[in-house]
Amino acid sequence: MLELTLRGDYIELDKLLKAMGLVESGGRARMLIAAGEVRVDGQVELRKTAKMRAGQVVEFGGQRVRVIQGPGGG
């Protein structure tokens, strides 16, 4: 499982996919989210800019990303 450390309180879902290198662009991320290809905590997530917070797990393309809290957030 991959981990993404937050710099603030949250990261938007489309930005998380791009930041982790799971998609090549934000536009591609938004298209895949809208198509129902991304799951958050086991449920399909259709909101492109859903706020991902510490403790959540994002699944896409056979990869899982756990969001963890970094310093200064939370």
Protein backbone atom coordinates (compact mmCIF):
# COMPACT_ATOMS: atom_id res chain seq x y z
CA MET A 1 0.00 0.00 0.00
CA LEU A 2 1.24 3.45 -0.90
CA GLU A 3 1.05 6.37 1.52
CA LEU A 4 0.43 10.06 0.90
CA THR A 5 1.34 12.45 3.71
CA LEU A 6 -0.93 15.48 3.90
CA ARG A 7 0.58 18.95 4.07
CA GLY A 8 -2.70 20.47 5.26
CA ASP A 9 -6.07 19.13 6.37
CA TYR A 10 -6.99 17.44 3.09
CA ILE A 11 -6.18 16.84 -0.58
CA GLU A 12 -8.74 16.74 -3.37
CA LEU A 13 -9.21 13.32 -4.94
CA ASP A 14 -8.17 14.29 -8.47
CA LYS A 15 -5.01 15.94 -7.12
CA LEU A 16 -4.18 12.86 -5.03
CA LEU A 17 -4.27 10.59 -8.08
CA LYS A 18 -1.98 12.93 -9.99
CA ALA A 19 0.38 13.51 -7.04
CA MET A 20 0.82 9.76 -6.58
CA GLY A 21 1.60 9.27 -10.27
CA LEU A 22 -1.44 7.02 -10.79
CA VAL A 23 -2.61 9.19 -13.70
CA GLU A 24 -0.71 11.42 -16.10
CA SER A 25 -2.92 14.49 -15.73
CA GLY A 26 -5.63 16.09 -13.64
CA GLY A 27 -8.01 15.87 -16.60
CA ARG A 28 -7.48 12.12 -16.85
CA ALA A 29 -8.04 11.80 -13.09
CA ARG A 30 -11.34 13.68 -13.30
CA MET A 31 -12.50 11.53 -16.23
CA LEU A 32 -11.72 8.28 -14.39
CA ILE A 33 -13.42 9.48 -11.19
CA ALA A 34 -16.55 10.46 -13.15
CA ALA A 35 -16.54 7.02 -14.80
CA GLY A 36 -16.69 5.32 -11.39
CA GLU A 37 -13.16 3.89 -11.57
CA VAL A 38 -12.02 5.19 -8.17
CA ARG A 39 -13.01 3.93 -4.73
CA VAL A 40 -12.63 5.67 -1.38
CA ASP A 41 -12.89 3.50 1.72
CA GLY A 42 -14.35 0.72 -0.44
CA GLN A 43 -17.10 2.84 -2.03
CA VAL A 44 -17.19 4.27 -5.55
CA GLU A 45 -16.50 8.01 -5.38
CA LEU A 46 -17.87 10.19 -8.19
CA ARG A 47 -16.97 13.61 -6.75
CA LYS A 48 -13.83 14.75 -8.55
CA THR A 49 -12.79 17.17 -5.82
CA ALA A 50 -13.88 15.12 -2.80
CA LYS A 51 -11.69 16.02 0.18
CA MET A 52 -9.45 13.13 1.21
CA ARG A 53 -8.46 13.30 4.85
CA ALA A 54 -6.10 11.33 7.08
CA GLY A 55 -7.14 7.70 7.52
CA GLN A 56 -8.92 7.34 4.20
CA VAL A 57 -7.88 4.76 1.61
CA VAL A 58 -8.15 5.44 -2.13
CA GLU A 59 -8.17 2.54 -4.60
CA PHE A 60 -7.50 2.86 -8.32
CA GLY A 61 -5.93 0.67 -10.99
CA GLY A 62 -4.91 -2.07 -8.57
CA GLN A 63 -3.17 0.40 -6.26
CA ARG A 64 -4.20 1.45 -2.77
CA VAL A 65 -3.17 4.77 -1.22
CA ARG A 66 -3.56 5.48 2.50
CA VAL A 67 -3.78 9.18 3.39
CA ILE A 68 -1.78 10.00 6.51
CA GLN A 69 -1.53 13.23 8.47
CA GLY A 70 1.67 15.20 8.20
CA PRO A 71 2.94 17.90 10.54
CA GLY A 72 0.84 21.04 10.70
CA GLY A 73 -2.45 19.44 9.70
CA GLY A 74 -5.40 17.89 11.30
